[in-house]
Amino acid sequence: MTTLANSPLSRTLLAAGLAIAGTLASFSATTTPAEAASARYSAKLAAAVQAPAKKVVNGVLWNCAGDACSGPVDGARPINTCVQVVKAFGQVSTFAGPKGEFSAEDLQRCNAAA
């Protein structure tokens, strides 16, 4: 007497189910870092830079042209990144990240800490 667990059809269905689950897991693992990599900070400088500038801030490349600067999210706390941007490019009038724009109090802390 053969059981259902030993039938070739059940083994095939089990293998197919595991393959589908593995594929879904790999898709979710590969799309999450891509979304994180696209997350960016933006800053508006109080005084525009003379010429377009590029500097490494917290290990990532920031680009500034005029009074607009942007750089990828670097893993540091947003206030720490803001302070480093101020040190590299000068005072900021706005600073925003994936979670929104800084409040007036946060901007004051950022500009004062640099």
Foldseek 3Di string as FASTA:
>chain_A
DDDPCPDPVNVVVVVVVVVVVVVVVVVVVVVVVVVLQVWKKKFFAPFFDPAWDWDQQLNWIWIGGGRIIMTHDNPDPQLSSLLSCCVVPNQTPWMATPVGIDDPVSSVSSRVVD
